[in-house]
Amino acid sequence: MSTSERPAAVGASLDTTSKYFPIRRSTRLPLQVPLRVTSLDPQLKFAENCNTVTVSAHGCGIVSPTQLPTGTRINLEIVADQKNTSARVLEVVPLDDLGRSWLLGLEMEKPGNFWGIKYAPADWAEDDVSADPAKATAGSAPPSPPGKEIPASVMRRLLSECRLAAISLGACYLQTCTTFPIHAPVRVTIKTGAKEHAYMGTVRLEHVGSGMGIEFTGRNDAHAARMTGLIDELSAGEQKFPEVRVELGTPDKSAGKTTAIQLPASAGGDSLLRLVIAGGAMKRGQFLQELEKQRRGE
């Protein structure tokens, strides 16, 4: 994934030592939907009948007999409903050791309730993401639950509600169902391969039940060197998501009792840190849109 400089949505240049991952912006449901999946890349021939294992307003996970490169544009068709939409491959995970089964994480180019699910999760409709309910057909019904058992190890990965969305020298944003209140001291542990990296921080932004932005308390050269090493490891891992654990830490008594969030001088060149600190004044959907702009380099 690129870590090149890009303009920030909040008026600061992005530190080149930053790492962004695809953002999960809506609740995922473990549902099996039959799809016809076809490559839109004329250089790559692919047309298969596949089943989803999870769906959301922004994409889905499918099981495929063929590995597709990340970034590949594809067409998704629900044949029974004669519905089509385009998507891109964001993540590729092998499901066996023989290369005969792959989990593909797909992001739709036009978010919405493409699946026609009645009573979809509330965040599917956030910021007008979902399709107009008046356009839904009267006879449409939710897809059936999975009929084939998915390995527990795969489901843990699919249904995990804790993942790293973005990280820089000064901050990170985590998507997690367990959040801590603003100003809470925390310890963030990130596992890459056999290594564990632990950092102390303070919660600066809380999206209750869905995510939180954390400012790292380290400000010296040693912290910068450790973070740079971690980000290099994450970048070398391409689309592989690291294991992340967050727990309450020990309050920093030297920090005083002020509740005002001050923008540190070091944030000038760290767009993610600036966004995390400014995010309290934004709606969740707006914050995620700005974070996505940083990821895409817009």
C-alpha atoms as a PDB file:
ATOM      1  CA  MET A   1       0.000   0.000   0.000  1.00  0.00           C
ATOM      2  CA  SER A   2       1.316   3.429  -0.843  1.00  0.00           C
ATOM      3  CA  THR A   3       2.660   5.662   1.899  1.00  0.00           C
ATOM      4  CA  SER A   4       3.392   8.583  -0.388  1.00  0.00           C
ATOM      5  CA  GLU A   5       2.548  12.131   0.605  1.00  0.00           C
ATOM      6  CA  ARG A   6      -0.968  13.282  -0.038  1.00  0.00           C
ATOM      7  CA  PRO A   7      -3.023  16.394   0.840  1.00  0.00           C
ATOM      8  CA  ALA A   8      -4.867  16.175   4.126  1.00  0.00           C
ATOM      9  CA  ALA A   9      -8.564  16.795   4.505  1.00  0.00           C
ATOM     10  CA  VAL A  10      -7.971  19.022   7.527  1.00  0.00           C
ATOM     11  CA  GLY A  11      -5.332  21.268   6.053  1.00  0.00           C
ATOM     12  CA  ALA A  12      -2.049  19.537   6.913  1.00  0.00           C
ATOM     13  CA  SER A  13       0.370  17.519   4.851  1.00  0.00           C
ATOM     14  CA  LEU A  14       0.499  13.807   5.562  1.00  0.00           C
ATOM     15  CA  ASP A  15       3.617  12.390   7.201  1.00  0.00           C
ATOM     16  CA  THR A  16       5.131   9.848   4.838  1.00  0.00           C
ATOM     17  CA  THR A  17       5.456   7.418   7.751  1.00  0.00           C
ATOM     18  CA  SER A  18       1.780   6.512   7.820  1.00  0.00           C
ATOM     19  CA  LYS A  19      -0.124   3.331   7.018  1.00  0.00           C
ATOM     20  CA  TYR A  20      -3.768   3.055   5.955  1.00  0.00           C
ATOM     21  CA  PHE A  21      -5.953  -0.024   5.627  1.00  0.00           C
ATOM     22  CA  PRO A  22      -9.346  -0.409   3.915  1.00  0.00           C
ATOM     23  CA  ILE A  23     -11.996   0.961   6.269  1.00  0.00           C
ATOM     24  CA  ARG A  24     -14.967  -1.027   7.454  1.00  0.00           C
ATOM     25  CA  ARG A  25     -17.673   1.639   7.427  1.00  0.00           C
ATOM     26  CA  SER A  26     -20.806  -0.454   7.954  1.00  0.00           C
ATOM     27  CA  THR A  27     -21.884  -3.521   9.900  1.00  0.00           C
ATOM     28  CA  ARG A  28     -21.130  -6.839   8.233  1.00  0.00           C
ATOM     29  CA  LEU A  29     -23.717  -9.625   8.255  1.00  0.00           C
ATOM     30  CA  PRO A  30     -22.701 -13.303   7.918  1.00  0.00           C
ATOM     31  CA  LEU A  31     -24.981 -14.148   4.994  1.00  0.00           C
ATOM     32  CA  GLN A  32     -24.630 -16.388   1.957  1.00  0.00           C
ATOM     33  CA  VAL A  33     -25.695 -14.738  -1.309  1.00  0.00           C
ATOM     34  CA  PRO A  34     -25.111 -16.494  -4.672  1.00  0.00           C
ATOM     35  CA  LEU A  35     -23.253 -14.183  -7.075  1.00  0.00           C
ATOM     36  CA  ARG A  36     -21.937 -14.277 -10.612  1.00  0.00           C
ATOM     37  CA  VAL A  37     -18.515 -12.624 -10.395  1.00  0.00           C
ATOM     38  CA  THR A  38     -16.851 -11.416 -13.606  1.00  0.00           C
ATOM     39  CA  SER A  39     -13.585  -9.569 -14.153  1.00  0.00           C
ATOM     40  CA  LEU A  40     -13.842  -6.091 -15.712  1.00  0.00           C
ATOM     41  CA  ASP A  41     -10.140  -6.150 -16.564  1.00  0.00           C
ATOM     42  CA  PRO A  42      -9.734  -7.158 -20.236  1.00  0.00           C
ATOM     43  CA  GLN A  43      -6.301  -8.590 -19.390  1.00  0.00           C
ATOM     44  CA  LEU A  44      -7.692 -10.908 -16.721  1.00  0.00           C
ATOM     45  CA  LYS A  45     -10.266 -13.535 -17.631  1.00  0.00           C
ATOM     46  CA  PHE A  46     -12.411 -14.551 -14.669  1.00  0.00           C
ATOM     47  CA  ALA A  47     -16.072 -15.549 -14.459  1.00  0.00           C
ATOM     48  CA  GLU A  48     -17.266 -17.720 -11.580  1.00  0.00           C
ATOM     49  CA  ASN A  49     -20.351 -18.456  -9.532  1.00  0.00           C
ATOM     50  CA  CYS A  50     -19.406 -17.627  -5.942  1.00  0.00           C
ATOM     51  CA  ASN A  51     -21.128 -17.256  -2.575  1.00  0.00           C
ATOM     52  CA  THR A  52     -20.679 -14.433  -0.102  1.00  0.00           C
ATOM     53  CA  VAL A  53     -19.803 -15.191   3.507  1.00  0.00           C
ATOM     54  CA  THR A  54     -20.381 -11.639   4.760  1.00  0.00           C
ATOM     55  CA  VAL A  55     -22.130  -8.601   3.281  1.00  0.00           C
ATOM     56  CA  SER A  56     -22.242  -4.910   4.198  1.00  0.00           C
ATOM     57  CA  ALA A  57     -23.298  -1.601   2.689  1.00  0.00           C
ATOM     58  CA  HIS A  58     -19.765  -1.146   1.376  1.00  0.00           C
ATOM     59  CA  GLY A  59     -18.838  -4.590   0.116  1.00  0.00           C
ATOM     60  CA  CYS A  60     -18.662  -8.289   0.873  1.00  0.00           C
ATOM     61  CA  GLY A  61     -16.423 -11.280   1.399  1.00  0.00           C
ATOM     62  CA  ILE A  62     -16.676 -14.133  -1.098  1.00  0.00           C
ATOM     63  CA  VAL A  63     -15.150 -17.587  -1.385  1.00  0.00           C
ATOM     64  CA  SER A  64     -13.492 -18.055  -4.777  1.00  0.00           C
ATOM     65  CA  PRO A  65     -11.647 -20.988  -6.386  1.00  0.00           C
ATOM     66  CA  THR A  66      -9.240 -18.491  -7.961  1.00  0.00           C
ATOM     67  CA  GLN A  67      -6.905 -15.898  -6.498  1.00  0.00           C
ATOM     68  CA  LEU A  68      -7.398 -12.377  -7.880  1.00  0.00           C
ATOM     69  CA  PRO A  69      -4.856  -9.554  -7.518  1.00  0.00           C
ATOM     70  CA  THR A  70      -5.778  -6.717  -5.162  1.00  0.00           C
ATOM     71  CA  GLY A  71      -7.179  -3.763  -7.073  1.00  0.00           C
ATOM     72  CA  THR A  72      -8.898  -5.919  -9.701  1.00  0.00           C
ATOM     73  CA  ARG A  73     -12.215  -4.409 -10.839  1.00  0.00           C
ATOM     74  CA  ILE A  74     -15.062  -6.912 -11.025  1.00  0.00           C
ATOM     75  CA  ASN A  75     -18.782  -7.039 -11.714  1.00  0.00           C
ATOM     76  CA  LEU A  76     -21.078  -8.554  -9.086  1.00  0.00           C
ATOM     77  CA  GLU A  77     -24.409  -9.907 -10.273  1.00  0.00           C
ATOM     78  CA  ILE A  78     -27.271 -11.258  -8.182  1.00  0.00           C
ATOM     79  CA  VAL A  79     -28.676 -13.347 -11.016  1.00  0.00           C
ATOM     80  CA  ALA A  80     -32.002 -14.088  -9.325  1.00  0.00           C
ATOM     81  CA  ASP A  81     -32.731 -10.365  -8.883  1.00  0.00           C
ATOM     82  CA  GLN A  82     -31.042  -9.216 -12.111  1.00  0.00           C
ATOM     83  CA  LYS A  83     -28.951  -6.708 -10.157  1.00  0.00           C
ATOM     84  CA  ASN A  84     -25.389  -5.635 -10.947  1.00  0.00           C
ATOM     85  CA  THR A  85     -22.751  -3.492  -9.295  1.00  0.00           C
ATOM     86  CA  SER A  86     -19.012  -2.979  -9.688  1.00  0.00           C
ATOM     87  CA  ALA A  87     -16.408  -3.570  -6.986  1.00  0.00           C
ATOM     88  CA  ARG A  88     -12.674  -3.880  -6.364  1.00  0.00           C
ATOM     89  CA  VAL A  89     -10.639  -6.601  -4.672  1.00  0.00           C
ATOM     90  CA  LEU A  90      -9.148  -5.235  -1.440  1.00  0.00           C
ATOM     91  CA  GLU A  91      -7.975  -8.329   0.425  1.00  0.00           C
ATOM     92  CA  VAL A  92      -6.986 -11.866  -0.559  1.00  0.00           C
ATOM     93  CA  VAL A  93      -6.707 -14.658   2.041  1.00  0.00           C
ATOM     94  CA  PRO A  94      -5.913 -18.332   1.270  1.00  0.00           C
ATOM     95  CA  LEU A  95      -8.379 -20.780   2.836  1.00  0.00           C
ATOM     96  CA  ASP A  96      -6.315 -23.914   2.248  1.00  0.00           C
ATOM     97  CA  ASP A  97      -2.718 -24.930   1.590  1.00  0.00           C
ATOM     98  CA  LEU A  98      -3.374 -26.090  -1.960  1.00  0.00           C
ATOM     99  CA  GLY A  99      -4.389 -22.755  -3.499  1.00  0.00           C
ATOM    100  CA  ARG A 100      -7.840 -24.028  -4.423  1.00  0.00           C
ATOM    101  CA  SER A 101      -9.940 -21.772  -2.190  1.00  0.00           C
ATOM    102  CA  TRP A 102      -9.590 -18.059  -1.510  1.00  0.00           C
ATOM    103  CA  LEU A 103     -11.403 -15.480   0.585  1.00  0.00           C
ATOM    104  CA  LEU A 104     -11.709 -12.226  -1.380  1.00  0.00           C
ATOM    105  CA  GLY A 105     -12.611  -9.003   0.396  1.00  0.00           C
ATOM    106  CA  LEU A 106     -14.481  -6.737  -2.038  1.00  0.00           C
ATOM    107  CA  GLU A 107     -15.342  -3.032  -1.835  1.00  0.00           C
ATOM    108  CA  MET A 108     -18.272  -1.816  -3.934  1.00  0.00           C
ATOM    109  CA  GLU A 109     -17.621   1.319  -5.960  1.00  0.00           C
ATOM    110  CA  LYS A 110     -21.114   2.586  -5.121  1.00  0.00           C
ATOM    111  CA  PRO A 111     -22.074   1.887  -1.473  1.00  0.00           C
ATOM    112  CA  GLY A 112     -25.639   0.936  -0.660  1.00  0.00           C
ATOM    113  CA  ASN A 113     -28.063  -1.853   0.168  1.00  0.00           C
ATOM    114  CA  PHE A 114     -27.247  -3.730  -3.032  1.00  0.00           C
ATOM    115  CA  TRP A 115     -28.321  -6.925  -1.259  1.00  0.00           C
ATOM    116  CA  GLY A 116     -31.940  -5.812  -0.846  1.00  0.00           C
ATOM    117  CA  ILE A 117     -31.948  -6.707   2.852  1.00  0.00           C
ATOM    118  CA  LYS A 118     -34.998  -5.593   4.797  1.00  0.00           C
ATOM    119  CA  TYR A 119     -34.351  -4.079   8.226  1.00  0.00           C
ATOM    120  CA  ALA A 120     -30.666  -3.619   7.472  1.00  0.00           C
ATOM    121  CA  PRO A 121     -28.351  -2.346  10.262  1.00  0.00           C
ATOM    122  CA  ALA A 122     -28.791   1.327  11.097  1.00  0.00           C
ATOM    123  CA  ASP A 123     -25.325   2.308   9.906  1.00  0.00           C
ATOM    124  CA  TRP A 124     -26.165   1.062   6.410  1.00  0.00           C
ATOM    125  CA  ALA A 125     -28.356   4.144   6.074  1.00  0.00           C
ATOM    126  CA  GLU A 126     -25.837   6.537   7.647  1.00  0.00           C
ATOM    127  CA  ASP A 127     -25.139   9.593   5.498  1.00  0.00           C
ATOM    128  CA  ASP A 128     -27.613   8.367   2.865  1.00  0.00           C
ATOM    129  CA  VAL A 129     -25.501   5.303   2.105  1.00  0.00           C
ATOM    130  CA  SER A 130     -28.358   2.871   1.573  1.00  0.00           C
ATOM    131  CA  ALA A 131     -30.528   2.675  -1.495  1.00  0.00           C
ATOM    132  CA  ASP A 132     -33.937   4.320  -1.622  1.00  0.00           C
ATOM    133  CA  PRO A 133     -36.304   1.879   0.147  1.00  0.00           C
ATOM    134  CA  ALA A 134     -39.054   2.849  -2.298  1.00  0.00           C
ATOM    135  CA  LYS A 135     -37.044   1.149  -5.052  1.00  0.00           C
ATOM    136  CA  ALA A 136     -36.962  -2.180  -3.250  1.00  0.00           C
ATOM    137  CA  THR A 137     -39.222  -4.800  -4.757  1.00  0.00           C
ATOM    138  CA  ALA A 138     -42.172  -5.915  -2.684  1.00  0.00           C
ATOM    139  CA  GLY A 139     -41.234  -9.549  -3.046  1.00  0.00           C
ATOM    140  CA  SER A 140     -37.565  -9.164  -2.109  1.00  0.00           C
ATOM    141  CA  ALA A 141     -36.468 -11.224   0.869  1.00  0.00           C
ATOM    142  CA  PRO A 142     -33.302 -11.483   2.955  1.00  0.00           C
ATOM    143  CA  PRO A 143     -30.795 -14.060   1.704  1.00  0.00           C
ATOM    144  CA  SER A 144     -30.741 -17.377   3.515  1.00  0.00           C
ATOM    145  CA  PRO A 145     -28.150 -18.020   6.239  1.00  0.00           C
ATOM    146  CA  PRO A 146     -25.037 -19.936   5.187  1.00  0.00           C
ATOM    147  CA  GLY A 147     -25.797 -23.561   4.421  1.00  0.00           C
ATOM    148  CA  LYS A 148     -22.145 -24.603   4.418  1.00  0.00           C
ATOM    149  CA  GLU A 149     -20.139 -24.384   7.597  1.00  0.00           C
ATOM    150  CA  ILE A 150     -17.231 -21.942   7.426  1.00  0.00           C
ATOM    151  CA  PRO A 151     -14.064 -22.863   9.374  1.00  0.00           C
ATOM    152  CA  ALA A 152     -13.987 -21.264  12.823  1.00  0.00           C
ATOM    153  CA  SER A 153     -10.578 -19.727  12.120  1.00  0.00           C
ATOM    154  CA  VAL A 154     -12.005 -17.968   9.061  1.00  0.00           C
ATOM    155  CA  MET A 155     -15.117 -16.777  10.881  1.00  0.00           C
ATOM    156  CA  ARG A 156     -13.023 -15.314  13.697  1.00  0.00           C
ATOM    157  CA  ARG A 157     -11.186 -13.284  11.097  1.00  0.00           C
ATOM    158  CA  LEU A 158     -14.360 -12.281   9.285  1.00  0.00           C
ATOM    159  CA  LEU A 159     -16.393 -11.329  12.326  1.00  0.00           C
ATOM    160  CA  SER A 160     -13.670  -9.719  14.397  1.00  0.00           C
ATOM    161  CA  GLU A 161     -14.735  -6.211  15.360  1.00  0.00           C
ATOM    162  CA  CYS A 162     -11.218  -5.015  16.199  1.00  0.00           C
ATOM    163  CA  ARG A 163      -8.887  -3.935  13.433  1.00  0.00           C
ATOM    164  CA  LEU A 164      -6.375  -1.253  12.569  1.00  0.00           C
ATOM    165  CA  ALA A 165      -7.707   1.279  10.071  1.00  0.00           C
ATOM    166  CA  ALA A 166      -4.813   3.754  10.061  1.00  0.00           C
ATOM    167  CA  ILE A 167      -1.621   4.509  11.965  1.00  0.00           C
ATOM    168  CA  SER A 168       1.015   7.251  11.941  1.00  0.00           C
ATOM    169  CA  LEU A 169       3.849   8.349  14.228  1.00  0.00           C
ATOM    170  CA  GLY A 170       1.418  10.198  16.469  1.00  0.00           C
ATOM    171  CA  ALA A 171      -1.934   8.416  16.295  1.00  0.00           C
ATOM    172  CA  CYS A 172      -4.008   5.468  15.175  1.00  0.00           C
ATOM    173  CA  TYR A 173      -7.664   4.799  14.434  1.00  0.00           C
ATOM    174  CA  LEU A 174      -9.121   1.426  15.392  1.00  0.00           C
ATOM    175  CA  GLN A 175     -12.425  -0.082  14.348  1.00  0.00           C
ATOM    176  CA  THR A 176     -13.645  -1.992  17.390  1.00  0.00           C
ATOM    177  CA  CYS A 177     -16.906  -2.812  19.147  1.00  0.00           C
ATOM    178  CA  THR A 178     -15.247  -2.170  22.537  1.00  0.00           C
ATOM    179  CA  THR A 179     -14.448   1.518  22.917  1.00  0.00           C
ATOM    180  CA  PHE A 180     -13.095   3.598  25.783  1.00  0.00           C
ATOM    181  CA  PRO A 181     -14.145   7.175  26.682  1.00  0.00           C
ATOM    182  CA  ILE A 182     -12.263  10.272  25.574  1.00  0.00           C
ATOM    183  CA  HIS A 183      -9.151  11.024  27.708  1.00  0.00           C
ATOM    184  CA  ALA A 184      -8.878   7.395  28.853  1.00  0.00           C
ATOM    185  CA  PRO A 185      -5.240   6.211  29.017  1.00  0.00           C
ATOM    186  CA  VAL A 186      -4.731   3.038  26.982  1.00  0.00           C
ATOM    187  CA  ARG A 187      -2.074   0.531  26.028  1.00  0.00           C
ATOM    188  CA  VAL A 188      -2.130  -0.484  22.357  1.00  0.00           C
ATOM    189  CA  THR A 189      -0.462  -3.777  21.418  1.00  0.00           C
ATOM    190  CA  ILE A 190       0.059  -4.541  17.725  1.00  0.00           C
ATOM    191  CA  LYS A 191       1.311  -7.957  16.640  1.00  0.00           C
ATOM    192  CA  THR A 192       3.184  -8.344  13.361  1.00  0.00           C
ATOM    193  CA  GLY A 193       4.329 -11.886  12.717  1.00  0.00           C
ATOM    194  CA  ALA A 194       6.068 -13.109  15.864  1.00  0.00           C
ATOM    195  CA  LYS A 195       6.668  -9.581  17.195  1.00  0.00           C
ATOM    196  CA  GLU A 196       4.496  -7.568  19.577  1.00  0.00           C
ATOM    197  CA  HIS A 197       4.729  -3.777  19.676  1.00  0.00           C
ATOM    198  CA  ALA A 198       3.195  -1.951  22.665  1.00  0.00           C
ATOM    199  CA  TYR A 199       2.529   1.795  22.883  1.00  0.00           C
ATOM    200  CA  MET A 200       0.864   4.018  25.449  1.00  0.00           C
ATOM    201  CA  GLY A 201      -1.734   6.496  24.308  1.00  0.00           C
ATOM    202  CA  THR A 202      -4.797   8.572  25.116  1.00  0.00           C
ATOM    203  CA  VAL A 203      -8.241   8.230  23.555  1.00  0.00           C
ATOM    204  CA  ARG A 204      -9.023  11.456  21.671  1.00  0.00           C
ATOM    205  CA  LEU A 205     -12.043  10.313  19.659  1.00  0.00           C
ATOM    206  CA  GLU A 206     -14.740   7.765  20.523  1.00  0.00           C
ATOM    207  CA  HIS A 207     -17.354   6.393  18.155  1.00  0.00           C
ATOM    208  CA  VAL A 208     -19.254   4.334  20.695  1.00  0.00           C
ATOM    209  CA  GLY A 209     -19.419   0.688  19.721  1.00  0.00           C
ATOM    210  CA  SER A 210     -17.610   1.145  16.400  1.00  0.00           C
ATOM    211  CA  GLY A 211     -14.215   2.815  16.709  1.00  0.00           C
ATOM    212  CA  MET A 212     -11.823   5.161  18.468  1.00  0.00           C
ATOM    213  CA  GLY A 213      -8.923   7.448  17.672  1.00  0.00           C
ATOM    214  CA  ILE A 214      -5.881   7.234  19.924  1.00  0.00           C
ATOM    215  CA  GLU A 215      -3.031   9.737  20.261  1.00  0.00           C
ATOM    216  CA  PHE A 216       0.275   8.112  21.176  1.00  0.00           C
ATOM    217  CA  THR A 217       1.970   9.730  24.175  1.00  0.00           C
ATOM    218  CA  GLY A 218       5.515   9.140  22.898  1.00  0.00           C
ATOM    219  CA  ARG A 219       7.200  12.286  21.600  1.00  0.00           C
ATOM    220  CA  ASN A 220      10.934  11.467  21.559  1.00  0.00           C
ATOM    221  CA  ASP A 221      13.248  10.079  18.895  1.00  0.00           C
ATOM    222  CA  ALA A 222      13.052   6.574  20.369  1.00  0.00           C
ATOM    223  CA  HIS A 223       9.257   6.533  19.919  1.00  0.00           C
ATOM    224  CA  ALA A 224       9.585   7.846  16.365  1.00  0.00           C
ATOM    225  CA  ALA A 225      12.130   5.146  15.523  1.00  0.00           C
ATOM    226  CA  ARG A 226       9.910   2.385  16.963  1.00  0.00           C
ATOM    227  CA  MET A 227       6.850   3.650  15.110  1.00  0.00           C
ATOM    228  CA  THR A 228       8.759   3.984  11.850  1.00  0.00           C
ATOM    229  CA  GLY A 229       9.943   0.388  12.184  1.00  0.00           C
ATOM    230  CA  LEU A 230       6.402  -0.833  12.868  1.00  0.00           C
ATOM    231  CA  ILE A 231       4.933   1.074   9.926  1.00  0.00           C
ATOM    232  CA  ASP A 232       7.642  -0.322   7.653  1.00  0.00           C
ATOM    233  CA  GLU A 233       6.667  -3.848   8.773  1.00  0.00           C
ATOM    234  CA  LEU A 234       2.971  -3.138   8.167  1.00  0.00           C
ATOM    235  CA  SER A 235       3.694  -1.704   4.733  1.00  0.00           C
ATOM    236  CA  ALA A 236       5.773  -4.749   3.820  1.00  0.00           C
ATOM    237  CA  GLY A 237       2.779  -6.903   4.759  1.00  0.00           C
ATOM    238  CA  GLU A 238       0.640  -5.259   2.044  1.00  0.00           C
ATOM    239  CA  GLN A 239      -3.055  -5.936   2.836  1.00  0.00           C
ATOM    240  CA  LYS A 240      -2.478  -8.227   5.839  1.00  0.00           C
ATOM    241  CA  PHE A 241      -4.251  -6.893   8.911  1.00  0.00           C
ATOM    242  CA  PRO A 242      -2.225  -7.131  12.148  1.00  0.00           C
ATOM    243  CA  GLU A 243      -3.650  -8.398  15.424  1.00  0.00           C
ATOM    244  CA  VAL A 244      -4.489  -5.472  17.701  1.00  0.00           C
ATOM    245  CA  ARG A 245      -5.291  -5.417  21.406  1.00  0.00           C
ATOM    246  CA  VAL A 246      -6.251  -2.334  23.424  1.00  0.00           C
ATOM    247  CA  GLU A 247      -6.531  -2.205  27.204  1.00  0.00           C
ATOM    248  CA  LEU A 248      -6.880   0.534  29.782  1.00  0.00           C
ATOM    249  CA  GLY A 249      -3.525   1.867  30.925  1.00  0.00           C
ATOM    250  CA  THR A 250      -2.238   3.794  33.923  1.00  0.00           C
ATOM    251  CA  PRO A 251      -3.280   7.463  34.052  1.00  0.00           C
ATOM    252  CA  ASP A 252      -0.482   9.940  33.404  1.00  0.00           C
ATOM    253  CA  LYS A 253      -0.497  12.057  36.577  1.00  0.00           C
ATOM    254  CA  SER A 254       1.770  14.629  34.987  1.00  0.00           C
ATOM    255  CA  ALA A 255      -0.899  15.403  32.410  1.00  0.00           C
ATOM    256  CA  GLY A 256      -3.032  17.364  34.859  1.00  0.00           C
ATOM    257  CA  LYS A 257      -6.822  17.427  35.025  1.00  0.00           C
ATOM    258  CA  THR A 258      -7.583  19.610  32.038  1.00  0.00           C
ATOM    259  CA  THR A 259     -10.248  18.267  29.700  1.00  0.00           C
ATOM    260  CA  ALA A 260      -9.337  20.489  26.765  1.00  0.00           C
ATOM    261  CA  ILE A 261      -7.633  18.712  23.887  1.00  0.00           C
ATOM    262  CA  GLN A 262      -4.608  20.710  22.784  1.00  0.00           C
ATOM    263  CA  LEU A 263      -3.145  20.134  19.348  1.00  0.00           C
ATOM    264  CA  PRO A 264       0.520  19.172  19.859  1.00  0.00           C
ATOM    265  CA  ALA A 265       3.139  21.010  17.828  1.00  0.00           C
ATOM    266  CA  SER A 266       4.224  17.674  16.354  1.00  0.00           C
ATOM    267  CA  ALA A 267       0.838  17.302  14.666  1.00  0.00           C
ATOM    268  CA  GLY A 268       1.769  19.828  11.991  1.00  0.00           C
ATOM    269  CA  GLY A 269       3.131  17.135   9.695  1.00  0.00           C
ATOM    270  CA  ASP A 270       0.882  14.285  10.849  1.00  0.00           C
ATOM    271  CA  SER A 271      -2.459  14.440   9.060  1.00  0.00           C
ATOM    272  CA  LEU A 272      -3.878  11.400  10.835  1.00  0.00           C
ATOM    273  CA  LEU A 273      -3.161  12.890  14.264  1.00  0.00           C
ATOM    274  CA  ARG A 274      -4.760  16.171  13.224  1.00  0.00           C
ATOM    275  CA  LEU A 275      -7.820  14.335  11.931  1.00  0.00           C
ATOM    276  CA  VAL A 276      -8.162  12.236  15.105  1.00  0.00           C
ATOM    277  CA  ILE A 277      -8.030  15.354  17.272  1.00  0.00           C
ATOM    278  CA  ALA A 278     -10.411  17.320  15.027  1.00  0.00           C
ATOM    279  CA  GLY A 279     -12.736  14.326  14.643  1.00  0.00           C
ATOM    280  CA  GLY A 280     -14.717  15.098  17.784  1.00  0.00           C
ATOM    281  CA  ALA A 281     -16.410  17.954  15.931  1.00  0.00           C
ATOM    282  CA  MET A 282     -17.467  15.671  13.050  1.00  0.00           C
ATOM    283  CA  LYS A 283     -20.203  13.132  12.584  1.00  0.00           C
ATOM    284  CA  ARG A 284     -18.900   9.567  12.420  1.00  0.00           C
ATOM    285  CA  GLY A 285     -19.741   9.263   8.731  1.00  0.00           C
ATOM    286  CA  GLN A 286     -17.944  12.515   7.909  1.00  0.00           C
ATOM    287  CA  PHE A 287     -14.867  11.421   9.858  1.00  0.00           C
ATOM    288  CA  LEU A 288     -14.721   8.089   8.013  1.00  0.00           C
ATOM    289  CA  GLN A 289     -15.089   9.874   4.683  1.00  0.00           C
ATOM    290  CA  GLU A 290     -12.132  12.128   5.548  1.00  0.00           C
ATOM    291  CA  LEU A 291     -10.120   9.094   6.655  1.00  0.00           C
ATOM    292  CA  GLU A 292     -10.965   7.350   3.389  1.00  0.00           C
ATOM    293  CA  LYS A 293      -9.810  10.433   1.454  1.00  0.00           C
ATOM    294  CA  GLN A 294      -6.460  10.235   3.224  1.00  0.00           C
ATOM    295  CA  ARG A 295      -6.202   6.528   2.374  1.00  0.00           C
ATOM    296  CA  ARG A 296      -6.956   7.183  -1.299  1.00  0.00           C
ATOM    297  CA  GLY A 297      -4.646  10.203  -1.427  1.00  0.00           C
ATOM    298  CA  GLU A 298      -7.395  12.657  -2.374  1.00  0.00           C
END
